[in-house]
Amino acid sequence: MATDLANRSNNVVDPGSNAAAVTPNDSTDLTYTTRAVYVGGAGNLAVVMAGGQTVTFTGVTAGALLPIRVSRVMSTNTTATTILAIW
């Protein structure tokens, strides 16, 4: 019998239930803080973490799923492509 996950709490440690393509932007936050970020095309990923720090993940491989909570994906210093926010 399948478990009914529709009524489960939306806890931060639960897997993501939504995803959306990200257009990197230096001044606009994402609609939601992510649970993870998927990178489809290799490169660098500059983000603002949920805690406020701006960091650049260098050399992210294509197909990587980063378990990071970010509020923004920066345009400056981001060379990775096909980025998805998962929340």
PDB file of N, CA and C in Angstrom:
ATOM      1  N   MET A   1       0.840  -1.177   0.000  1.00  0.00           N
ATOM      2  CA  MET A   1       0.000   0.000   0.000  1.00  0.00           C
ATOM      3  C   MET A   1       0.887   1.244   0.000  1.00  0.00           C
ATOM      4  N   ALA A   2       0.571   2.196  -0.840  1.00  0.00           N
ATOM      5  CA  ALA A   2       1.340   3.436  -0.937  1.00  0.00           C
ATOM      6  C   ALA A   2       1.003   4.353   0.232  1.00  0.00           C
ATOM      7  N   THR A   3       2.018   5.064   0.700  1.00  0.00           N
ATOM      8  CA  THR A   3       1.819   6.020   1.773  1.00  0.00           C
ATOM      9  C   THR A   3       1.272   7.316   1.192  1.00  0.00           C
ATOM     10  N   ASP A   4       0.318   7.912   1.880  1.00  0.00           N
ATOM     11  CA  ASP A   4      -0.268   9.177   1.441  1.00  0.00           C
ATOM     12  C   ASP A   4       0.642  10.317   1.861  1.00  0.00           C
ATOM     13  N   LEU A   5       1.463  10.820   0.934  1.00  0.00           N
ATOM     14  CA  LEU A   5       2.372  11.915   1.244  1.00  0.00           C
ATOM     15  C   LEU A   5       1.720  13.280   1.072  1.00  0.00           C
ATOM     16  N   ALA A   6       0.546  13.326   0.499  1.00  0.00           N
ATOM     17  CA  ALA A   6      -0.124  14.601   0.263  1.00  0.00           C
ATOM     18  C   ALA A   6      -0.449  15.310   1.572  1.00  0.00           C
ATOM     19  N   ASN A   7      -0.660  14.556   2.644  1.00  0.00           N
ATOM     20  CA  ASN A   7      -1.038  15.156   3.912  1.00  0.00           C
ATOM     21  C   ASN A   7       0.135  15.282   4.880  1.00  0.00           C
ATOM     22  N   ARG A   8       1.315  14.943   4.421  1.00  0.00           N
ATOM     23  CA  ARG A   8       2.499  15.017   5.257  1.00  0.00           C
ATOM     24  C   ARG A   8       2.948  16.470   5.398  1.00  0.00           C
ATOM     25  N   SER A   9       3.579  16.792   6.523  1.00  0.00           N
ATOM     26  CA  SER A   9       4.063  18.160   6.719  1.00  0.00           C
ATOM     27  C   SER A   9       5.134  18.488   5.685  1.00  0.00           C
ATOM     28  N   ASN A  10       5.269  19.758   5.374  1.00  0.00           N
ATOM     29  CA  ASN A  10       6.252  20.216   4.407  1.00  0.00           C
ATOM     30  C   ASN A  10       7.523  20.614   5.148  1.00  0.00           C
ATOM     31  N   ASN A  11       8.163  19.643   5.789  1.00  0.00           N
ATOM     32  CA  ASN A  11       9.358  19.856   6.591  1.00  0.00           C
ATOM     33  C   ASN A  11      10.573  20.052   5.689  1.00  0.00           C
ATOM     34  N   VAL A  12      11.515  20.860   6.130  1.00  0.00           N
ATOM     35  CA  VAL A  12      12.691  21.175   5.319  1.00  0.00           C
ATOM     36  C   VAL A  12      13.527  19.932   4.998  1.00  0.00           C
ATOM     37  N   VAL A  13      13.440  18.884   5.779  1.00  0.00           N
ATOM     38  CA  VAL A  13      14.225  17.680   5.503  1.00  0.00           C
ATOM     39  C   VAL A  13      13.514  16.723   4.553  1.00  0.00           C
ATOM     40  N   ASP A  14      12.259  16.980   4.249  1.00  0.00           N
ATOM     41  CA  ASP A  14      11.536  16.167   3.276  1.00  0.00           C
ATOM     42  C   ASP A  14      12.081  16.445   1.879  1.00  0.00           C
ATOM     43  N   PRO A  15      11.944  15.500   0.957  1.00  0.00           N
ATOM     44  CA  PRO A  15      12.367  15.754  -0.424  1.00  0.00           C
ATOM     45  C   PRO A  15      11.560  16.898  -1.036  1.00  0.00           C
ATOM     46  N   GLY A  16      12.116  17.516  -2.055  1.00  0.00           N
ATOM     47  CA  GLY A  16      11.411  18.593  -2.742  1.00  0.00           C
ATOM     48  C   GLY A  16      10.157  18.082  -3.426  1.00  0.00           C
ATOM     49  N   SER A  17       9.165  18.941  -3.506  1.00  0.00           N
ATOM     50  CA  SER A  17       7.918  18.559  -4.172  1.00  0.00           C
ATOM     51  C   SER A  17       7.597  19.473  -5.356  1.00  0.00           C
ATOM     52  N   ASN A  18       8.439  20.485  -5.576  1.00  0.00           N
ATOM     53  CA  ASN A  18       8.259  21.413  -6.686  1.00  0.00           C
ATOM     54  C   ASN A  18       9.616  21.760  -7.281  1.00  0.00           C
ATOM     55  N   ALA A  19       9.625  22.139  -8.551  1.00  0.00           N
ATOM     56  CA  ALA A  19      10.858  22.567  -9.210  1.00  0.00           C
ATOM     57  C   ALA A  19      10.513  23.604 -10.268  1.00  0.00           C
ATOM     58  N   ALA A  20      11.471  24.486 -10.522  1.00  0.00           N
ATOM     59  CA  ALA A  20      11.280  25.501 -11.551  1.00  0.00           C
ATOM     60  C   ALA A  20      12.628  25.900 -12.127  1.00  0.00           C
ATOM     61  N   ALA A  21      12.624  26.232 -13.410  1.00  0.00           N
ATOM     62  CA  ALA A  21      13.833  26.718 -14.063  1.00  0.00           C
ATOM     63  C   ALA A  21      14.240  28.049 -13.440  1.00  0.00           C
ATOM     64  N   VAL A  22      15.546  28.263 -13.347  1.00  0.00           N
ATOM     65  CA  VAL A  22      16.087  29.483 -12.749  1.00  0.00           C
ATOM     66  C   VAL A  22      16.809  30.295 -13.810  1.00  0.00           C
ATOM     67  N   THR A  23      16.498  31.568 -13.867  1.00  0.00           N
ATOM     68  CA  THR A  23      17.272  32.518 -14.656  1.00  0.00           C
ATOM     69  C   THR A  23      18.115  33.303 -13.657  1.00  0.00           C
ATOM     70  N   PRO A  24      19.432  33.107 -13.658  1.00  0.00           N
ATOM     71  CA  PRO A  24      20.275  33.819 -12.690  1.00  0.00           C
ATOM     72  C   PRO A  24      20.056  35.325 -12.762  1.00  0.00           C
ATOM     73  N   ASN A  25      20.034  35.954 -11.565  1.00  0.00           N
ATOM     74  CA  ASN A  25      19.761  37.378 -11.464  1.00  0.00           C
ATOM     75  C   ASN A  25      20.466  37.908 -10.226  1.00  0.00           C
ATOM     76  N   ASP A  26      21.205  38.991 -10.372  1.00  0.00           N
ATOM     77  CA  ASP A  26      21.969  39.538  -9.252  1.00  0.00           C
ATOM     78  C   ASP A  26      21.131  40.318  -8.246  1.00  0.00           C
ATOM     79  N   SER A  27      19.904  40.679  -8.582  1.00  0.00           N
ATOM     80  CA  SER A  27      19.139  41.539  -7.682  1.00  0.00           C
ATOM     81  C   SER A  27      17.782  40.986  -7.255  1.00  0.00           C
ATOM     82  N   THR A  28      17.371  39.851  -7.796  1.00  0.00           N
ATOM     83  CA  THR A  28      16.045  39.322  -7.477  1.00  0.00           C
ATOM     84  C   THR A  28      16.151  37.951  -6.824  1.00  0.00           C
ATOM     85  N   ASP A  29      15.511  37.815  -5.657  1.00  0.00           N
ATOM     86  CA  ASP A  29      15.485  36.527  -4.972  1.00  0.00           C
ATOM     87  C   ASP A  29      14.558  35.559  -5.695  1.00  0.00           C
ATOM     88  N   LEU A  30      14.797  34.271  -5.467  1.00  0.00           N
ATOM     89  CA  LEU A  30      13.882  33.247  -5.967  1.00  0.00           C
ATOM     90  C   LEU A  30      12.552  33.375  -5.233  1.00  0.00           C
ATOM     91  N   THR A  31      11.514  32.812  -5.803  1.00  0.00           N
ATOM     92  CA  THR A  31      10.197  32.850  -5.170  1.00  0.00           C
ATOM     93  C   THR A  31      10.206  32.089  -3.847  1.00  0.00           C
ATOM     94  N   TYR A  32      10.967  30.985  -3.802  1.00  0.00           N
ATOM     95  CA  TYR A  32      11.064  30.154  -2.599  1.00  0.00           C
ATOM     96  C   TYR A  32      12.525  29.875  -2.304  1.00  0.00           C
ATOM     97  N   THR A  33      12.850  29.673  -1.046  1.00  0.00           N
ATOM     98  CA  THR A  33      14.172  29.190  -0.673  1.00  0.00           C
ATOM     99  C   THR A  33      14.233  27.721  -1.064  1.00  0.00           C
ATOM    100  N   THR A  34      15.315  27.332  -1.709  1.00  0.00           N
ATOM    101  CA  THR A  34      15.407  25.968  -2.232  1.00  0.00           C
ATOM    102  C   THR A  34      15.718  24.948  -1.137  1.00  0.00           C
ATOM    103  N   ARG A  35      15.440  23.693  -1.470  1.00  0.00           N
ATOM    104  CA  ARG A  35      15.932  22.551  -0.690  1.00  0.00           C
ATOM    105  C   ARG A  35      17.156  21.979  -1.385  1.00  0.00           C
ATOM    106  N   ALA A  36      17.224  22.207  -2.704  1.00  0.00           N
ATOM    107  CA  ALA A  36      18.338  21.726  -3.517  1.00  0.00           C
ATOM    108  C   ALA A  36      18.357  22.512  -4.822  1.00  0.00           C
ATOM    109  N   VAL A  37      19.485  22.432  -5.516  1.00  0.00           N
ATOM    110  CA  VAL A  37      19.634  23.060  -6.824  1.00  0.00           C
ATOM    111  C   VAL A  37      20.203  22.016  -7.771  1.00  0.00           C
ATOM    112  N   TYR A  38      19.571  21.864  -8.923  1.00  0.00           N
ATOM    113  CA  TYR A  38      20.043  20.955  -9.967  1.00  0.00           C
ATOM    114  C   TYR A  38      20.768  21.768 -11.024  1.00  0.00           C
ATOM    115  N   VAL A  39      21.923  21.284 -11.457  1.00  0.00           N
ATOM    116  CA  VAL A  39      22.704  21.935 -12.511  1.00  0.00           C
ATOM    117  C   VAL A  39      22.794  20.974 -13.692  1.00  0.00           C
ATOM    118  N   GLY A  40      22.192  21.357 -14.816  1.00  0.00           N
ATOM    119  CA  GLY A  40      22.197  20.493 -15.989  1.00  0.00           C
ATOM    120  C   GLY A  40      23.420  20.653 -16.858  1.00  0.00           C
ATOM    121  N   GLY A  41      23.999  21.855 -16.880  1.00  0.00           N
ATOM    122  CA  GLY A  41      25.184  22.121 -17.687  1.00  0.00           C
ATOM    123  C   GLY A  41      26.328  22.574 -16.803  1.00  0.00           C
ATOM    124  N   ALA A  42      27.471  21.944 -16.931  1.00  0.00           N
ATOM    125  CA  ALA A  42      28.621  22.174 -16.055  1.00  0.00           C
ATOM    126  C   ALA A  42      29.068  23.629 -16.030  1.00  0.00           C
ATOM    127  N   GLY A  43      29.639  24.031 -14.890  1.00  0.00           N
ATOM    128  CA  GLY A  43      30.181  25.371 -14.751  1.00  0.00           C
ATOM    129  C   GLY A  43      30.206  25.804 -13.299  1.00  0.00           C
ATOM    130  N   ASN A  44      30.325  27.091 -13.091  1.00  0.00           N
ATOM    131  CA  ASN A  44      30.316  27.665 -11.745  1.00  0.00           C
ATOM    132  C   ASN A  44      28.899  28.106 -11.395  1.00  0.00           C
ATOM    133  N   LEU A  45      28.579  28.011 -10.105  1.00  0.00           N
ATOM    134  CA  LEU A  45      27.255  28.411  -9.625  1.00  0.00           C
ATOM    135  C   LEU A  45      27.436  29.369  -8.460  1.00  0.00           C
ATOM    136  N   ALA A  46      27.089  30.642  -8.672  1.00  0.00           N
ATOM    137  CA  ALA A  46      27.175  31.647  -7.617  1.00  0.00           C
ATOM    138  C   ALA A  46      25.784  31.832  -7.017  1.00  0.00           C
ATOM    139  N   VAL A  47      25.707  31.741  -5.696  1.00  0.00           N
ATOM    140  CA  VAL A  47      24.406  31.800  -5.027  1.00  0.00           C
ATOM    141  C   VAL A  47      24.491  32.642  -3.764  1.00  0.00           C
ATOM    142  N   VAL A  48      23.319  33.065  -3.307  1.00  0.00           N
ATOM    143  CA  VAL A  48      23.175  33.635  -1.971  1.00  0.00           C
ATOM    144  C   VAL A  48      22.504  32.546  -1.142  1.00  0.00           C
ATOM    145  N   MET A  49      23.216  32.069  -0.135  1.00  0.00           N
ATOM    146  CA  MET A  49      22.703  31.011   0.718  1.00  0.00           C
ATOM    147  C   MET A  49      21.566  31.549   1.586  1.00  0.00           C
ATOM    148  N   ALA A  50      20.734  30.656   2.087  1.00  0.00           N
ATOM    149  CA  ALA A  50      19.608  31.056   2.934  1.00  0.00           C
ATOM    150  C   ALA A  50      20.088  31.843   4.153  1.00  0.00           C
ATOM    151  N   GLY A  51      21.310  31.581   4.602  1.00  0.00           N
ATOM    152  CA  GLY A  51      21.873  32.302   5.741  1.00  0.00           C
ATOM    153  C   GLY A  51      22.446  33.666   5.398  1.00  0.00           C
ATOM    154  N   GLY A  52      22.455  34.021   4.100  1.00  0.00           N
ATOM    155  CA  GLY A  52      22.896  35.342   3.677  1.00  0.00           C
ATOM    156  C   GLY A  52      24.267  35.415   3.028  1.00  0.00           C
ATOM    157  N   GLN A  53      25.072  34.355   3.095  1.00  0.00           N
ATOM    158  CA  GLN A  53      26.407  34.378   2.509  1.00  0.00           C
ATOM    159  C   GLN A  53      26.322  34.207   0.991  1.00  0.00           C
ATOM    160  N   THR A  54      27.166  34.943   0.284  1.00  0.00           N
ATOM    161  CA  THR A  54      27.294  34.768  -1.161  1.00  0.00           C
ATOM    162  C   THR A  54      28.510  33.891  -1.403  1.00  0.00           C
ATOM    163  N   VAL A  55      28.293  32.770  -2.100  1.00  0.00           N
ATOM    164  CA  VAL A  55      29.381  31.829  -2.374  1.00  0.00           C
ATOM    165  C   VAL A  55      29.314  31.380  -3.823  1.00  0.00           C
ATOM    166  N   THR A  56      30.452  30.944  -4.347  1.00  0.00           N
ATOM    167  CA  THR A  56      30.515  30.386  -5.699  1.00  0.00           C
ATOM    168  C   THR A  56      31.004  28.950  -5.613  1.00  0.00           C
ATOM    169  N   PHE A  57      30.201  28.032  -6.117  1.00  0.00           N
ATOM    170  CA  PHE A  57      30.596  26.633  -6.245  1.00  0.00           C
ATOM    171  C   PHE A  57      31.277  26.510  -7.599  1.00  0.00           C
ATOM    172  N   THR A  58      32.545  26.188  -7.610  1.00  0.00           N
ATOM    173  CA  THR A  58      33.296  26.120  -8.860  1.00  0.00           C
ATOM    174  C   THR A  58      33.368  24.696  -9.381  1.00  0.00           C
ATOM    175  N   GLY A  59      33.331  24.578 -10.692  1.00  0.00           N
ATOM    176  CA  GLY A  59      33.478  23.278 -11.332  1.00  0.00           C
ATOM    177  C   GLY A  59      32.353  22.299 -11.053  1.00  0.00           C
ATOM    178  N   VAL A  60      31.136  22.799 -10.943  1.00  0.00           N
ATOM    179  CA  VAL A  60      29.992  21.916 -10.725  1.00  0.00           C
ATOM    180  C   VAL A  60      29.785  21.089 -11.996  1.00  0.00           C
ATOM    181  N   THR A  61      29.667  19.792 -11.847  1.00  0.00           N
ATOM    182  CA  THR A  61      29.525  18.912 -13.005  1.00  0.00           C
ATOM    183  C   THR A  61      28.086  18.887 -13.514  1.00  0.00           C
ATOM    184  N   ALA A  62      27.941  18.596 -14.785  1.00  0.00           N
ATOM    185  CA  ALA A  62      26.606  18.470 -15.378  1.00  0.00           C
ATOM    186  C   ALA A  62      25.851  17.344 -14.680  1.00  0.00           C
ATOM    187  N   GLY A  63      24.602  17.600 -14.360  1.00  0.00           N
ATOM    188  CA  GLY A  63      23.769  16.606 -13.713  1.00  0.00           C
ATOM    189  C   GLY A  63      23.885  16.591 -12.204  1.00  0.00           C
ATOM    190  N   ALA A  64      24.604  17.570 -11.642  1.00  0.00           N
ATOM    191  CA  ALA A  64      24.790  17.618 -10.191  1.00  0.00           C
ATOM    192  C   ALA A  64      23.518  18.094  -9.489  1.00  0.00           C
ATOM    193  N   LEU A  65      23.229  17.470  -8.362  1.00  0.00           N
ATOM    194  CA  LEU A  65      22.137  17.893  -7.489  1.00  0.00           C
ATOM    195  C   LEU A  65      22.778  18.334  -6.182  1.00  0.00           C
ATOM    196  N   LEU A  66      22.767  19.643  -5.942  1.00  0.00           N
ATOM    197  CA  LEU A  66      23.412  20.199  -4.758  1.00  0.00           C
ATOM    198  C   LEU A  66      22.371  20.372  -3.651  1.00  0.00           C
ATOM    199  N   PRO A  67      22.575  19.762  -2.491  1.00  0.00           N
ATOM    200  CA  PRO A  67      21.612  19.876  -1.392  1.00  0.00           C
ATOM    201  C   PRO A  67      21.836  21.171  -0.614  1.00  0.00           C
ATOM    202  N   ILE A  68      21.551  22.296  -1.261  1.00  0.00           N
ATOM    203  CA  ILE A  68      21.812  23.603  -0.659  1.00  0.00           C
ATOM    204  C   ILE A  68      20.538  24.429  -0.625  1.00  0.00           C
ATOM    205  N   ARG A  69      20.425  25.234   0.430  1.00  0.00           N
ATOM    206  CA  ARG A  69      19.272  26.128   0.590  1.00  0.00           C
ATOM    207  C   ARG A  69      19.724  27.520   0.177  1.00  0.00           C
ATOM    208  N   VAL A  70      19.206  27.990  -0.965  1.00  0.00           N
ATOM    209  CA  VAL A  70      19.606  29.291  -1.484  1.00  0.00           C
ATOM    210  C   VAL A  70      18.376  30.166  -1.704  1.00  0.00           C
ATOM    211  N   SER A  71      18.610  31.479  -1.588  1.00  0.00           N
ATOM    212  CA  SER A  71      17.531  32.436  -1.836  1.00  0.00           C
ATOM    213  C   SER A  71      17.681  33.124  -3.191  1.00  0.00           C
ATOM    214  N   ARG A  72      18.904  33.032  -3.766  1.00  0.00           N
ATOM    215  CA  ARG A  72      19.150  33.690  -5.058  1.00  0.00           C
ATOM    216  C   ARG A  72      20.249  32.954  -5.805  1.00  0.00           C
ATOM    217  N   VAL A  73      20.101  32.874  -7.119  1.00  0.00           N
ATOM    218  CA  VAL A  73      21.177  32.396  -7.991  1.00  0.00           C
ATOM    219  C   VAL A  73      21.683  33.622  -8.736  1.00  0.00           C
ATOM    220  N   MET A  74      22.954  33.929  -8.523  1.00  0.00           N
ATOM    221  CA  MET A  74      23.546  35.138  -9.080  1.00  0.00           C
ATOM    222  C   MET A  74      23.907  34.972 -10.552  1.00  0.00           C
ATOM    223  N   SER A  75      23.749  36.038 -11.310  1.00  0.00           N
ATOM    224  CA  SER A  75      24.168  36.052 -12.701  1.00  0.00           C
ATOM    225  C   SER A  75      25.691  36.201 -12.790  1.00  0.00           C
ATOM    226  N   THR A  76      26.233  37.122 -11.984  1.00  0.00           N
ATOM    227  CA  THR A  76      27.677  37.333 -11.952  1.00  0.00           C
ATOM    228  C   THR A  76      28.352  36.080 -11.399  1.00  0.00           C
ATOM    229  N   ASN A  77      29.328  35.577 -12.110  1.00  0.00           N
ATOM    230  CA  ASN A  77      30.131  34.405 -11.754  1.00  0.00           C
ATOM    231  C   ASN A  77      29.430  33.066 -11.987  1.00  0.00           C
ATOM    232  N   THR A  78      28.173  33.054 -12.428  1.00  0.00           N
ATOM    233  CA  THR A  78      27.517  31.790 -12.749  1.00  0.00           C
ATOM    234  C   THR A  78      27.724  31.485 -14.225  1.00  0.00           C
ATOM    235  N   THR A  79      28.366  30.341 -14.488  1.00  0.00           N
ATOM    236  CA  THR A  79      28.556  29.881 -15.866  1.00  0.00           C
ATOM    237  C   THR A  79      27.809  28.585 -16.124  1.00  0.00           C
ATOM    238  N   ALA A  80      27.307  27.958 -15.060  1.00  0.00           N
ATOM    239  CA  ALA A  80      26.511  26.731 -15.213  1.00  0.00           C
ATOM    240  C   ALA A  80      25.208  27.057 -15.933  1.00  0.00           C
ATOM    241  N   THR A  81      24.625  26.057 -16.571  1.00  0.00           N
ATOM    242  CA  THR A  81      23.386  26.257 -17.318  1.00  0.00           C
ATOM    243  C   THR A  81      22.349  25.222 -16.901  1.00  0.00           C
ATOM    244  N   THR A  82      21.136  25.413 -17.395  1.00  0.00           N
ATOM    245  CA  THR A  82      20.005  24.533 -17.123  1.00  0.00           C
ATOM    246  C   THR A  82      19.891  24.295 -15.608  1.00  0.00           C
ATOM    247  N   ILE A  83      19.650  25.377 -14.893  1.00  0.00           N
ATOM    248  CA  ILE A  83      19.579  25.351 -13.436  1.00  0.00           C
ATOM    249  C   ILE A  83      18.122  25.236 -13.013  1.00  0.00           C
ATOM    250  N   LEU A  84      17.868  24.338 -12.072  1.00  0.00           N
ATOM    251  CA  LEU A  84      16.524  24.158 -11.519  1.00  0.00           C
ATOM    252  C   LEU A  84      16.564  24.376 -10.020  1.00  0.00           C
ATOM    253  N   ALA A  85      15.613  25.152  -9.520  1.00  0.00           N
ATOM    254  CA  ALA A  85      15.425  25.295  -8.079  1.00  0.00           C
ATOM    255  C   ALA A  85      14.425  24.233  -7.646  1.00  0.00           C
ATOM    256  N   ILE A  86      14.741  23.538  -6.581  1.00  0.00           N
ATOM    257  CA  ILE A  86      13.848  22.501  -6.053  1.00  0.00           C
ATOM    258  C   ILE A  86      13.466  22.914  -4.639  1.00  0.00           C
ATOM    259  N   TRP A  87      12.158  22.942  -4.367  1.00  0.00           N
ATOM    260  CA  TRP A  87      11.692  23.308  -3.036  1.00  0.00           C
ATOM    261  C   TRP A  87      10.569  22.422  -2.598  1.00  0.00           C
TER     262      TRP A  87
END
